[in-house]
Amino acid sequence: MHTPLTKLLAIQHPIIQAPLGSATTPELAAAVSNAGGLGMLALSWADPAQTRAQIRRTKALTDRPFGVNLVLAWDQRARVAVCADEGVAVVSFCWGDAAPFLAPLRAQGIAVCHTVGSADEAARCADQGVDFLVAQGWEAGGHVGGRVATSVLVPAVADRVALPVVAAGGIADGRGIVAALSLGAAGVWMGTRFLLAREAATSAVYRDAVARATENDTVYAPDLFHLGWEQAPHRVLRNSTVAAWERAGSPPPGRRPGEGQVLAHRADGSPVVRYSDDTPLAATTGDLEALALYAGQSAGLVHRIAGAADIVQDLVRQTEAVLARLTPLIQP
């Protein structure tokens, strides 16, 4: 599949593995890139030395393009400098103003993208000079900046800007990829599907919950799992914490059941309390089911744990099969 996105990024398939926060690993990003997509590292909270180490580890595993995602709700100057110095292929931004960082990245030939939740936001980012945009529909898992469905947002953004647009939210298979392309997207940005990649750092409890989920098992909340990242709406799987909060009438922070309760511990032994934005990783111990299980509505279509390369190859085969099936239907 050749689109303006594959040409811009020098990749084989218009498939980007969304940054999955702490669940992302160099092994995951490299496997996706080696399979012809674009792997992404989530380094918003890594210190500069860790940022450099993660980039170099990924470089050791692939000679193909990969990217780094940085959330602008935090000061990213030091990490941007490392990305520029290391010459990563792509830096993606969200939740803030990327304008101050464009010049140093573009000077190194690094493609820059920004995630948007509206056509107005897309126009502002395009005017600043980003290379492509990610239009994130509210079906998406994790932190979600907008309230518009992917099927409406993508064409609205594509109509507004003369840049490659990548569709995010609710896309889990070849049918979703073809749908995104038909809406005007030049590629897709997929997170929930890659939570089930063997290379991801997700715990078995988290993976199994995603694999068992239906399309009705996610919840969009403005500030539920907010400790660590406030005022950032998100979509998660319904679990015991969500159910107890809903039974209590969905109260705001300060009045929610079980606040302050330690549920688990990170690999370094530090505690994870209820309503923290931490996700359960392979090294996390405790009541993992009650933690933030970020996932999109596409969890209802995602059931198989597999290697990241197999996932990319399956997506390509599915997309080709859908196109082959549709071609006779649209020919005059």
C-alpha atoms as a PDB file:
ATOM      1  CA  MET A   1       0.000   0.000   0.000  1.00  0.00           C
ATOM      2  CA  HIS A   2       1.458   3.303  -1.093  1.00  0.00           C
ATOM      3  CA  THR A   3       0.038   6.555   0.251  1.00  0.00           C
ATOM      4  CA  PRO A   4       1.394  10.057   0.881  1.00  0.00           C
ATOM      5  CA  LEU A   5       2.237   8.862   4.408  1.00  0.00           C
ATOM      6  CA  THR A   6       4.388   5.940   3.266  1.00  0.00           C
ATOM      7  CA  LYS A   7       6.222   8.264   0.890  1.00  0.00           C
ATOM      8  CA  LEU A   8       6.776  10.912   3.556  1.00  0.00           C
ATOM      9  CA  LEU A   9       8.078   8.482   6.161  1.00  0.00           C
ATOM     10  CA  ALA A  10       9.794   5.981   3.828  1.00  0.00           C
ATOM     11  CA  ILE A  11       7.801   3.074   5.243  1.00  0.00           C
ATOM     12  CA  GLN A  12       6.196   0.138   3.477  1.00  0.00           C
ATOM     13  CA  HIS A  13       2.732   0.125   5.045  1.00  0.00           C
ATOM     14  CA  PRO A  14       0.643   3.096   6.271  1.00  0.00           C
ATOM     15  CA  ILE A  15       0.366   1.601   9.758  1.00  0.00           C
ATOM     16  CA  ILE A  16       1.677   3.413  12.831  1.00  0.00           C
ATOM     17  CA  GLN A  17       1.823   1.738  16.219  1.00  0.00           C
ATOM     18  CA  ALA A  18       0.457   4.325  18.614  1.00  0.00           C
ATOM     19  CA  PRO A  19       2.634   5.124  21.627  1.00  0.00           C
ATOM     20  CA  LEU A  20       1.224   3.064  24.483  1.00  0.00           C
ATOM     21  CA  GLY A  21       2.748   4.924  27.392  1.00  0.00           C
ATOM     22  CA  SER A  22       4.766   2.707  29.695  1.00  0.00           C
ATOM     23  CA  ALA A  23       3.567  -0.380  27.811  1.00  0.00           C
ATOM     24  CA  THR A  24       5.756   0.585  24.839  1.00  0.00           C
ATOM     25  CA  THR A  25       9.187  -1.006  24.510  1.00  0.00           C
ATOM     26  CA  PRO A  26      12.060  -0.694  22.029  1.00  0.00           C
ATOM     27  CA  GLU A  27      11.338  -4.297  21.076  1.00  0.00           C
ATOM     28  CA  LEU A  28       7.749  -3.421  20.144  1.00  0.00           C
ATOM     29  CA  ALA A  29       8.649  -0.305  18.150  1.00  0.00           C
ATOM     30  CA  ALA A  30      11.457  -2.084  16.326  1.00  0.00           C
ATOM     31  CA  ALA A  31       9.302  -5.099  15.470  1.00  0.00           C
ATOM     32  CA  VAL A  32       6.608  -2.879  13.944  1.00  0.00           C
ATOM     33  CA  SER A  33       9.182  -0.929  11.947  1.00  0.00           C
ATOM     34  CA  ASN A  34      10.921  -4.091  10.785  1.00  0.00           C
ATOM     35  CA  ALA A  35       7.553  -5.349   9.531  1.00  0.00           C
ATOM     36  CA  GLY A  36       7.151  -2.250   7.362  1.00  0.00           C
ATOM     37  CA  GLY A  37       5.073  -0.009   9.626  1.00  0.00           C
ATOM     38  CA  LEU A  38       6.221   2.781  11.920  1.00  0.00           C
ATOM     39  CA  GLY A  39       6.970   1.878  15.528  1.00  0.00           C
ATOM     40  CA  MET A  40       6.706   4.563  18.189  1.00  0.00           C
ATOM     41  CA  LEU A  41       8.368   5.048  21.565  1.00  0.00           C
ATOM     42  CA  ALA A  42       6.517   6.843  24.379  1.00  0.00           C
ATOM     43  CA  LEU A  43       9.217   8.854  26.173  1.00  0.00           C
ATOM     44  CA  SER A  44       7.331  11.773  27.710  1.00  0.00           C
ATOM     45  CA  TRP A  45       8.380  10.877  31.244  1.00  0.00           C
ATOM     46  CA  ALA A  46      11.831   9.422  30.640  1.00  0.00           C
ATOM     47  CA  ASP A  47      14.795  11.494  31.754  1.00  0.00           C
ATOM     48  CA  PRO A  48      17.245  12.551  29.004  1.00  0.00           C
ATOM     49  CA  ALA A  49      19.619   9.653  29.669  1.00  0.00           C
ATOM     50  CA  GLN A  50      16.764   7.146  29.548  1.00  0.00           C
ATOM     51  CA  THR A  51      15.414   8.816  26.418  1.00  0.00           C
ATOM     52  CA  ARG A  52      18.737   8.410  24.664  1.00  0.00           C
ATOM     53  CA  ALA A  53      19.119   4.833  25.860  1.00  0.00           C
ATOM     54  CA  GLN A  54      15.651   3.855  24.622  1.00  0.00           C
ATOM     55  CA  ILE A  55      16.292   5.418  21.215  1.00  0.00           C
ATOM     56  CA  ARG A  56      19.658   3.717  20.887  1.00  0.00           C
ATOM     57  CA  ARG A  57      18.229   0.374  21.966  1.00  0.00           C
ATOM     58  CA  THR A  58      15.611   0.689  19.225  1.00  0.00           C
ATOM     59  CA  LYS A  59      18.276   1.648  16.684  1.00  0.00           C
ATOM     60  CA  ALA A  60      20.156  -1.520  17.608  1.00  0.00           C
ATOM     61  CA  LEU A  61      17.049  -3.569  16.764  1.00  0.00           C
ATOM     62  CA  THR A  62      16.046  -1.913  13.486  1.00  0.00           C
ATOM     63  CA  ASP A  63      17.594   0.123  10.703  1.00  0.00           C
ATOM     64  CA  ARG A  64      14.154   1.321   9.614  1.00  0.00           C
ATOM     65  CA  PRO A  65      12.345   4.534  10.585  1.00  0.00           C
ATOM     66  CA  PHE A  66      10.715   4.805  14.010  1.00  0.00           C
ATOM     67  CA  GLY A  67       9.381   7.673  16.062  1.00  0.00           C
ATOM     68  CA  VAL A  68       9.132   9.204  19.524  1.00  0.00           C
ATOM     69  CA  ASN A  69       5.959  10.579  21.084  1.00  0.00           C
ATOM     70  CA  LEU A  70       6.097  13.499  23.541  1.00  0.00           C
ATOM     71  CA  VAL A  71       3.156  14.878  25.526  1.00  0.00           C
ATOM     72  CA  LEU A  72       3.372  18.663  25.768  1.00  0.00           C
ATOM     73  CA  ALA A  73       1.615  18.816  29.121  1.00  0.00           C
ATOM     74  CA  TRP A  74       5.182  18.397  30.425  1.00  0.00           C
ATOM     75  CA  ASP A  75       8.371  20.318  29.620  1.00  0.00           C
ATOM     76  CA  GLN A  76       9.863  18.440  26.658  1.00  0.00           C
ATOM     77  CA  ARG A  77      12.818  20.664  25.771  1.00  0.00           C
ATOM     78  CA  ALA A  78      15.485  18.233  26.959  1.00  0.00           C
ATOM     79  CA  ARG A  79      13.844  15.244  25.264  1.00  0.00           C
ATOM     80  CA  VAL A  80      13.370  17.129  22.007  1.00  0.00           C
ATOM     81  CA  ALA A  81      17.083  17.968  22.082  1.00  0.00           C
ATOM     82  CA  VAL A  82      17.934  14.287  22.486  1.00  0.00           C
ATOM     83  CA  CYS A  83      15.594  13.328  19.620  1.00  0.00           C
ATOM     84  CA  ALA A  84      17.237  15.931  17.394  1.00  0.00           C
ATOM     85  CA  ASP A  85      20.709  14.778  18.382  1.00  0.00           C
ATOM     86  CA  GLU A  86      19.866  11.123  17.772  1.00  0.00           C
ATOM     87  CA  GLY A  87      18.136  11.857  14.468  1.00  0.00           C
ATOM     88  CA  VAL A  88      14.964   9.838  14.994  1.00  0.00           C
ATOM     89  CA  ALA A  89      12.720   9.692  11.933  1.00  0.00           C
ATOM     90  CA  VAL A  90       9.567  11.123  13.522  1.00  0.00           C
ATOM     91  CA  VAL A  91       8.609  13.097  16.616  1.00  0.00           C
ATOM     92  CA  SER A  92       4.910  13.269  17.424  1.00  0.00           C
ATOM     93  CA  PHE A  93       3.335  15.737  19.831  1.00  0.00           C
ATOM     94  CA  CYS A  94      -0.010  16.065  21.569  1.00  0.00           C
ATOM     95  CA  TRP A  95      -1.724  18.097  24.302  1.00  0.00           C
ATOM     96  CA  GLY A  96       0.025  21.408  23.759  1.00  0.00           C
ATOM     97  CA  ASP A  97       1.822  23.816  21.424  1.00  0.00           C
ATOM     98  CA  ALA A  98       4.551  22.194  19.320  1.00  0.00           C
ATOM     99  CA  ALA A  99       5.587  25.419  17.563  1.00  0.00           C
ATOM    100  CA  PRO A 100       8.726  26.066  19.693  1.00  0.00           C
ATOM    101  CA  PHE A 101      10.128  22.654  18.776  1.00  0.00           C
ATOM    102  CA  LEU A 102       9.548  22.561  15.032  1.00  0.00           C
ATOM    103  CA  ALA A 103      12.667  24.416  13.886  1.00  0.00           C
ATOM    104  CA  PRO A 104      15.285  22.271  15.681  1.00  0.00           C
ATOM    105  CA  LEU A 105      13.601  19.059  14.560  1.00  0.00           C
ATOM    106  CA  ARG A 106      13.070  20.142  10.962  1.00  0.00           C
ATOM    107  CA  ALA A 107      16.723  21.270  10.822  1.00  0.00           C
ATOM    108  CA  GLN A 108      17.668  17.626  11.398  1.00  0.00           C
ATOM    109  CA  GLY A 109      15.259  16.352   8.756  1.00  0.00           C
ATOM    110  CA  ILE A 110      12.898  14.913  11.374  1.00  0.00           C
ATOM    111  CA  ALA A 111       9.235  14.641  10.395  1.00  0.00           C
ATOM    112  CA  VAL A 112       6.881  16.188  12.942  1.00  0.00           C
ATOM    113  CA  CYS A 113       3.249  15.309  13.568  1.00  0.00           C
ATOM    114  CA  HIS A 114       0.623  16.480  16.011  1.00  0.00           C
ATOM    115  CA  THR A 115      -2.473  14.698  17.307  1.00  0.00           C
ATOM    116  CA  VAL A 116      -5.670  16.728  16.966  1.00  0.00           C
ATOM    117  CA  GLY A 117      -9.297  16.365  17.987  1.00  0.00           C
ATOM    118  CA  SER A 118     -10.904  18.987  15.736  1.00  0.00           C
ATOM    119  CA  ALA A 119     -10.540  20.534  12.307  1.00  0.00           C
ATOM    120  CA  ASP A 120      -9.767  23.935  13.880  1.00  0.00           C
ATOM    121  CA  GLU A 121      -6.894  22.427  15.862  1.00  0.00           C
ATOM    122  CA  ALA A 122      -5.676  20.710  12.694  1.00  0.00           C
ATOM    123  CA  ALA A 123      -5.622  24.025  10.828  1.00  0.00           C
ATOM    124  CA  ARG A 124      -3.594  25.691  13.608  1.00  0.00           C
ATOM    125  CA  CYS A 125      -1.035  22.881  13.585  1.00  0.00           C
ATOM    126  CA  ALA A 126      -0.811  22.917   9.793  1.00  0.00           C
ATOM    127  CA  ASP A 127      -0.165  26.668   9.837  1.00  0.00           C
ATOM    128  CA  GLN A 128       2.693  26.085  12.300  1.00  0.00           C
ATOM    129  CA  GLY A 129       4.400  23.775   9.814  1.00  0.00           C
ATOM    130  CA  VAL A 130       3.961  20.193  11.003  1.00  0.00           C
ATOM    131  CA  ASP A 131       4.443  17.482   8.374  1.00  0.00           C
ATOM    132  CA  PHE A 132       1.370  15.366   9.084  1.00  0.00           C
ATOM    133  CA  LEU A 133      -1.507  15.089  11.529  1.00  0.00           C
ATOM    134  CA  VAL A 134      -3.117  12.355  13.591  1.00  0.00           C
ATOM    135  CA  ALA A 135      -6.892  12.832  13.773  1.00  0.00           C
ATOM    136  CA  GLN A 136      -7.923  11.037  16.965  1.00  0.00           C
ATOM    137  CA  GLY A 137     -11.573  10.118  17.277  1.00  0.00           C
ATOM    138  CA  TRP A 138     -13.066   9.762  20.724  1.00  0.00           C
ATOM    139  CA  GLU A 139     -13.403   5.968  20.249  1.00  0.00           C
ATOM    140  CA  ALA A 140      -9.679   5.817  20.950  1.00  0.00           C
ATOM    141  CA  GLY A 141      -8.240   4.355  24.111  1.00  0.00           C
ATOM    142  CA  GLY A 142      -5.899   6.103  26.494  1.00  0.00           C
ATOM    143  CA  HIS A 143      -5.995   9.880  26.738  1.00  0.00           C
ATOM    144  CA  VAL A 144      -8.388  11.470  24.264  1.00  0.00           C
ATOM    145  CA  GLY A 145      -8.349  15.174  23.427  1.00  0.00           C
ATOM    146  CA  GLY A 146     -11.580  15.482  21.447  1.00  0.00           C
ATOM    147  CA  ARG A 147     -15.218  14.405  21.445  1.00  0.00           C
ATOM    148  CA  VAL A 148     -15.802  13.705  17.733  1.00  0.00           C
ATOM    149  CA  ALA A 149     -16.098  10.232  16.184  1.00  0.00           C
ATOM    150  CA  THR A 150     -13.306   9.104  13.876  1.00  0.00           C
ATOM    151  CA  SER A 151     -15.710   8.712  10.943  1.00  0.00           C
ATOM    152  CA  VAL A 152     -16.568  12.425  11.135  1.00  0.00           C
ATOM    153  CA  LEU A 153     -13.266  13.852  12.342  1.00  0.00           C
ATOM    154  CA  VAL A 154     -11.026  12.338   9.668  1.00  0.00           C
ATOM    155  CA  PRO A 155     -12.874  13.744   6.635  1.00  0.00           C
ATOM    156  CA  ALA A 156     -13.347  17.073   8.415  1.00  0.00           C
ATOM    157  CA  VAL A 157      -9.602  17.340   8.996  1.00  0.00           C
ATOM    158  CA  ALA A 158      -8.721  16.027   5.532  1.00  0.00           C
ATOM    159  CA  ASP A 159     -10.987  18.668   3.984  1.00  0.00           C
ATOM    160  CA  ARG A 160      -9.377  21.417   6.053  1.00  0.00           C
ATOM    161  CA  VAL A 161      -5.639  20.807   5.604  1.00  0.00           C
ATOM    162  CA  ALA A 162      -3.329  19.910   2.740  1.00  0.00           C
ATOM    163  CA  LEU A 163      -1.290  17.444   4.802  1.00  0.00           C
ATOM    164  CA  PRO A 164      -1.332  13.671   5.171  1.00  0.00           C
ATOM    165  CA  VAL A 165      -3.887  12.764   7.826  1.00  0.00           C
ATOM    166  CA  VAL A 166      -3.593   9.624   9.941  1.00  0.00           C
ATOM    167  CA  ALA A 167      -6.782   8.172  11.408  1.00  0.00           C
ATOM    168  CA  ALA A 168      -6.834   7.079  15.062  1.00  0.00           C
ATOM    169  CA  GLY A 169      -9.608   5.602  17.171  1.00  0.00           C
ATOM    170  CA  GLY A 170     -11.699   2.482  16.644  1.00  0.00           C
ATOM    171  CA  ILE A 171      -9.398   0.889  14.053  1.00  0.00           C
ATOM    172  CA  ALA A 172      -8.373  -2.708  14.713  1.00  0.00           C
ATOM    173  CA  ASP A 173      -8.288  -4.606  11.422  1.00  0.00           C
ATOM    174  CA  GLY A 174      -8.151  -4.351   7.645  1.00  0.00           C
ATOM    175  CA  ARG A 175     -11.771  -3.255   7.434  1.00  0.00           C
ATOM    176  CA  GLY A 176     -10.968  -0.263   9.613  1.00  0.00           C
ATOM    177  CA  ILE A 177      -7.902   0.560   7.543  1.00  0.00           C
ATOM    178  CA  VAL A 178      -9.890   0.560   4.298  1.00  0.00           C
ATOM    179  CA  ALA A 179     -12.597   2.658   5.952  1.00  0.00           C
ATOM    180  CA  ALA A 180      -9.994   5.176   7.141  1.00  0.00           C
ATOM    181  CA  LEU A 181      -8.481   5.438   3.669  1.00  0.00           C
ATOM    182  CA  SER A 182     -11.930   5.972   2.184  1.00  0.00           C
ATOM    183  CA  LEU A 183     -12.488   8.852   4.620  1.00  0.00           C
ATOM    184  CA  GLY A 184      -9.418  10.668   3.352  1.00  0.00           C
ATOM    185  CA  ALA A 185      -6.737   9.314   5.682  1.00  0.00           C
ATOM    186  CA  ALA A 186      -3.281   8.443   4.377  1.00  0.00           C
ATOM    187  CA  GLY A 187      -2.685   5.912   7.144  1.00  0.00           C
ATOM    188  CA  VAL A 188      -3.791   4.627  10.517  1.00  0.00           C
ATOM    189  CA  TRP A 189      -2.582   4.979  14.110  1.00  0.00           C
ATOM    190  CA  MET A 190      -3.409   1.877  16.151  1.00  0.00           C
ATOM    191  CA  GLY A 191      -2.972   1.421  19.880  1.00  0.00           C
ATOM    192  CA  THR A 192      -5.402  -1.112  21.295  1.00  0.00           C
ATOM    193  CA  ARG A 193      -4.431  -3.770  18.755  1.00  0.00           C
ATOM    194  CA  PHE A 194      -0.776  -3.523  19.788  1.00  0.00           C
ATOM    195  CA  LEU A 195      -1.568  -3.864  23.496  1.00  0.00           C
ATOM    196  CA  LEU A 196      -1.821  -7.565  22.663  1.00  0.00           C
ATOM    197  CA  ALA A 197       1.594  -7.686  21.001  1.00  0.00           C
ATOM    198  CA  ARG A 198       3.993 -10.006  22.802  1.00  0.00           C
ATOM    199  CA  GLU A 199       6.669  -7.302  22.733  1.00  0.00           C
ATOM    200  CA  ALA A 200       4.506  -4.846  24.681  1.00  0.00           C
ATOM    201  CA  ALA A 201       5.165  -4.492  28.416  1.00  0.00           C
ATOM    202  CA  THR A 202       1.509  -5.051  29.311  1.00  0.00           C
ATOM    203  CA  SER A 203       0.778  -7.472  32.146  1.00  0.00           C
ATOM    204  CA  ALA A 204      -1.033 -10.723  31.417  1.00  0.00           C
ATOM    205  CA  VAL A 205      -4.016  -9.407  33.399  1.00  0.00           C
ATOM    206  CA  TYR A 206      -4.224  -6.328  31.166  1.00  0.00           C
ATOM    207  CA  ARG A 207      -3.835  -8.299  27.941  1.00  0.00           C
ATOM    208  CA  ASP A 208      -6.457 -10.838  28.950  1.00  0.00           C
ATOM    209  CA  ALA A 209      -8.914  -8.070  29.865  1.00  0.00           C
ATOM    210  CA  VAL A 210      -8.482  -6.453  26.448  1.00  0.00           C
ATOM    211  CA  ALA A 211      -8.769  -9.793  24.664  1.00  0.00           C
ATOM    212  CA  ARG A 212     -12.049 -10.602  26.482  1.00  0.00           C
ATOM    213  CA  ALA A 213     -13.617  -7.166  26.042  1.00  0.00           C
ATOM    214  CA  THR A 214     -16.598  -6.354  23.854  1.00  0.00           C
ATOM    215  CA  GLU A 215     -17.281  -3.096  22.064  1.00  0.00           C
ATOM    216  CA  ASN A 216     -19.454  -2.026  25.031  1.00  0.00           C
ATOM    217  CA  ASP A 217     -16.836  -2.591  27.727  1.00  0.00           C
ATOM    218  CA  THR A 218     -15.032   0.764  27.619  1.00  0.00           C
ATOM    219  CA  VAL A 219     -15.801   3.963  29.532  1.00  0.00           C
ATOM    220  CA  TYR A 220     -14.940   7.550  28.593  1.00  0.00           C
ATOM    221  CA  ALA A 221     -14.200   9.667  31.672  1.00  0.00           C
ATOM    222  CA  PRO A 222     -12.997  13.265  32.054  1.00  0.00           C
ATOM    223  CA  ASP A 223     -10.963  12.767  35.233  1.00  0.00           C
ATOM    224  CA  LEU A 224     -11.302   9.263  36.677  1.00  0.00           C
ATOM    225  CA  PHE A 225      -7.728   7.900  36.512  1.00  0.00           C
ATOM    226  CA  HIS A 226      -6.265  11.350  36.902  1.00  0.00           C
ATOM    227  CA  LEU A 227      -3.494  11.004  39.505  1.00  0.00           C
ATOM    228  CA  GLY A 228      -0.337  11.760  37.551  1.00  0.00           C
ATOM    229  CA  TRP A 229      -2.095  13.464  34.654  1.00  0.00           C
ATOM    230  CA  GLU A 230      -4.961  15.740  35.631  1.00  0.00           C
ATOM    231  CA  GLN A 231      -7.554  17.277  33.313  1.00  0.00           C
ATOM    232  CA  ALA A 232      -6.900  14.675  30.628  1.00  0.00           C
ATOM    233  CA  PRO A 233     -10.024  12.774  29.518  1.00  0.00           C
ATOM    234  CA  HIS A 234      -9.438   9.119  28.795  1.00  0.00           C
ATOM    235  CA  ARG A 235     -11.056   5.844  27.752  1.00  0.00           C
ATOM    236  CA  VAL A 236     -10.523   2.680  29.789  1.00  0.00           C
ATOM    237  CA  LEU A 237     -11.992  -0.779  30.192  1.00  0.00           C
ATOM    238  CA  ARG A 238     -14.716  -1.054  32.800  1.00  0.00           C
ATOM    239  CA  ASN A 239     -13.191  -2.812  35.834  1.00  0.00           C
ATOM    240  CA  SER A 240     -13.851  -3.000  39.567  1.00  0.00           C
ATOM    241  CA  THR A 241     -12.656   0.574  40.159  1.00  0.00           C
ATOM    242  CA  VAL A 242     -14.879   1.939  37.384  1.00  0.00           C
ATOM    243  CA  ALA A 243     -17.870  -0.113  38.579  1.00  0.00           C
ATOM    244  CA  ALA A 244     -17.530   1.119  42.172  1.00  0.00           C
ATOM    245  CA  TRP A 245     -17.228   4.725  40.969  1.00  0.00           C
ATOM    246  CA  GLU A 246     -20.336   4.357  38.812  1.00  0.00           C
ATOM    247  CA  ARG A 247     -22.320   2.779  41.675  1.00  0.00           C
ATOM    248  CA  ALA A 248     -21.380   5.778  43.803  1.00  0.00           C
ATOM    249  CA  GLY A 249     -22.893   8.100  41.217  1.00  0.00           C
ATOM    250  CA  SER A 250     -19.655   8.939  39.334  1.00  0.00           C
ATOM    251  CA  PRO A 251     -18.511  11.520  41.918  1.00  0.00           C
ATOM    252  CA  PRO A 252     -15.622  13.931  41.248  1.00  0.00           C
ATOM    253  CA  PRO A 253     -12.119  13.571  42.718  1.00  0.00           C
ATOM    254  CA  GLY A 254     -12.173  13.922  46.476  1.00  0.00           C
ATOM    255  CA  ARG A 255     -15.435  12.018  46.869  1.00  0.00           C
ATOM    256  CA  ARG A 256     -14.714   8.765  45.039  1.00  0.00           C
ATOM    257  CA  PRO A 257     -14.744   5.379  46.797  1.00  0.00           C
ATOM    258  CA  GLY A 258     -11.370   4.007  47.834  1.00  0.00           C
ATOM    259  CA  GLU A 259      -9.310   7.128  47.242  1.00  0.00           C
ATOM    260  CA  GLY A 260      -5.771   6.805  48.527  1.00  0.00           C
ATOM    261  CA  GLN A 261      -5.935   3.003  48.723  1.00  0.00           C
ATOM    262  CA  VAL A 262      -2.706   1.308  47.625  1.00  0.00           C
ATOM    263  CA  LEU A 263      -3.577  -1.282  44.995  1.00  0.00           C
ATOM    264  CA  ALA A 264      -0.241  -2.330  43.564  1.00  0.00           C
ATOM    265  CA  HIS A 265       3.489  -1.709  43.429  1.00  0.00           C
ATOM    266  CA  ARG A 266       5.761  -0.805  40.543  1.00  0.00           C
ATOM    267  CA  ALA A 267       8.934  -2.721  39.742  1.00  0.00           C
ATOM    268  CA  ASP A 268      10.927  -0.346  41.973  1.00  0.00           C
ATOM    269  CA  GLY A 269       8.601  -1.022  44.911  1.00  0.00           C
ATOM    270  CA  SER A 270       6.824   2.343  44.823  1.00  0.00           C
ATOM    271  CA  PRO A 271       3.072   2.203  45.459  1.00  0.00           C
ATOM    272  CA  VAL A 272       0.287   2.659  42.927  1.00  0.00           C
ATOM    273  CA  VAL A 273      -2.894   4.043  44.470  1.00  0.00           C
ATOM    274  CA  ARG A 274      -6.448   3.781  43.200  1.00  0.00           C
ATOM    275  CA  TYR A 275      -7.214   6.338  40.453  1.00  0.00           C
ATOM    276  CA  SER A 276      -3.560   6.606  39.449  1.00  0.00           C
ATOM    277  CA  ASP A 277      -2.938   6.887  35.711  1.00  0.00           C
ATOM    278  CA  ASP A 278      -0.524   3.935  35.907  1.00  0.00           C
ATOM    279  CA  THR A 279      -1.256   0.927  33.725  1.00  0.00           C
ATOM    280  CA  PRO A 280      -0.400  -2.598  34.923  1.00  0.00           C
ATOM    281  CA  LEU A 281       2.879  -3.717  33.410  1.00  0.00           C
ATOM    282  CA  ALA A 282       4.527  -7.120  33.407  1.00  0.00           C
ATOM    283  CA  ALA A 283       6.582  -6.133  36.464  1.00  0.00           C
ATOM    284  CA  THR A 284       3.680  -4.583  38.423  1.00  0.00           C
ATOM    285  CA  THR A 285       2.385  -6.572  41.398  1.00  0.00           C
ATOM    286  CA  GLY A 286      -0.883  -6.357  43.311  1.00  0.00           C
ATOM    287  CA  ASP A 287      -4.506  -5.883  42.333  1.00  0.00           C
ATOM    288  CA  LEU A 288      -3.799  -5.247  38.664  1.00  0.00           C
ATOM    289  CA  GLU A 289      -7.394  -5.604  37.491  1.00  0.00           C
ATOM    290  CA  ALA A 290      -8.353  -2.458  39.439  1.00  0.00           C
ATOM    291  CA  LEU A 291      -5.774  -0.210  37.751  1.00  0.00           C
ATOM    292  CA  ALA A 292      -6.260   1.960  34.668  1.00  0.00           C
ATOM    293  CA  LEU A 293      -6.804  -0.422  31.749  1.00  0.00           C
ATOM    294  CA  TYR A 294      -6.610   1.992  28.828  1.00  0.00           C
ATOM    295  CA  ALA A 295      -8.281   0.649  25.690  1.00  0.00           C
ATOM    296  CA  GLY A 296     -10.390   1.895  22.830  1.00  0.00           C
ATOM    297  CA  GLN A 297     -13.755   0.684  21.611  1.00  0.00           C
ATOM    298  CA  SER A 298     -11.866  -1.427  19.085  1.00  0.00           C
ATOM    299  CA  ALA A 299     -11.102  -3.792  21.977  1.00  0.00           C
ATOM    300  CA  GLY A 300     -14.299  -5.516  20.893  1.00  0.00           C
ATOM    301  CA  LEU A 301     -12.486  -6.536  17.701  1.00  0.00           C
ATOM    302  CA  VAL A 302      -9.150  -7.470  19.274  1.00  0.00           C
ATOM    303  CA  HIS A 303      -8.815 -10.957  20.707  1.00  0.00           C
ATOM    304  CA  ARG A 304      -5.544 -12.580  19.599  1.00  0.00           C
ATOM    305  CA  ILE A 305      -2.176 -12.188  21.289  1.00  0.00           C
ATOM    306  CA  ALA A 306       0.606 -12.281  18.711  1.00  0.00           C
ATOM    307  CA  GLY A 307       4.013 -10.914  17.855  1.00  0.00           C
ATOM    308  CA  ALA A 308       4.019  -7.343  16.549  1.00  0.00           C
ATOM    309  CA  ALA A 309       5.332  -8.386  13.130  1.00  0.00           C
ATOM    310  CA  ASP A 310       2.526 -10.937  12.799  1.00  0.00           C
ATOM    311  CA  ILE A 311       0.004  -8.249  13.710  1.00  0.00           C
ATOM    312  CA  VAL A 312       1.297  -5.924  10.989  1.00  0.00           C
ATOM    313  CA  GLN A 313       1.331  -8.731   8.425  1.00  0.00           C
ATOM    314  CA  ASP A 314      -2.217  -9.746   9.378  1.00  0.00           C
ATOM    315  CA  LEU A 315      -3.401  -6.164   8.996  1.00  0.00           C
ATOM    316  CA  VAL A 316      -1.859  -5.924   5.537  1.00  0.00           C
ATOM    317  CA  ARG A 317      -3.416  -9.228   4.432  1.00  0.00           C
ATOM    318  CA  GLN A 318      -6.804  -8.212   5.796  1.00  0.00           C
ATOM    319  CA  THR A 319      -6.632  -4.853   4.041  1.00  0.00           C
ATOM    320  CA  GLU A 320      -5.708  -6.438   0.733  1.00  0.00           C
ATOM    321  CA  ALA A 321      -8.542  -8.955   1.110  1.00  0.00           C
ATOM    322  CA  VAL A 322     -11.094  -6.205   1.785  1.00  0.00           C
ATOM    323  CA  LEU A 323      -9.897  -4.194  -1.219  1.00  0.00           C
ATOM    324  CA  ALA A 324     -10.071  -7.282  -3.423  1.00  0.00           C
ATOM    325  CA  ARG A 325     -13.624  -7.968  -2.263  1.00  0.00           C
ATOM    326  CA  LEU A 326     -14.738  -4.376  -2.830  1.00  0.00           C
ATOM    327  CA  THR A 327     -13.136  -3.867  -6.221  1.00  0.00           C
ATOM    328  CA  PRO A 328     -15.723  -5.860  -8.200  1.00  0.00           C
ATOM    329  CA  LEU A 329     -18.514  -4.045  -6.344  1.00  0.00           C
ATOM    330  CA  ILE A 330     -17.357  -0.567  -7.328  1.00  0.00           C
ATOM    331  CA  GLN A 331     -16.360  -1.261 -10.919  1.00  0.00           C
ATOM    332  CA  PRO A 332     -18.881   0.109 -13.458  1.00  0.00           C
END
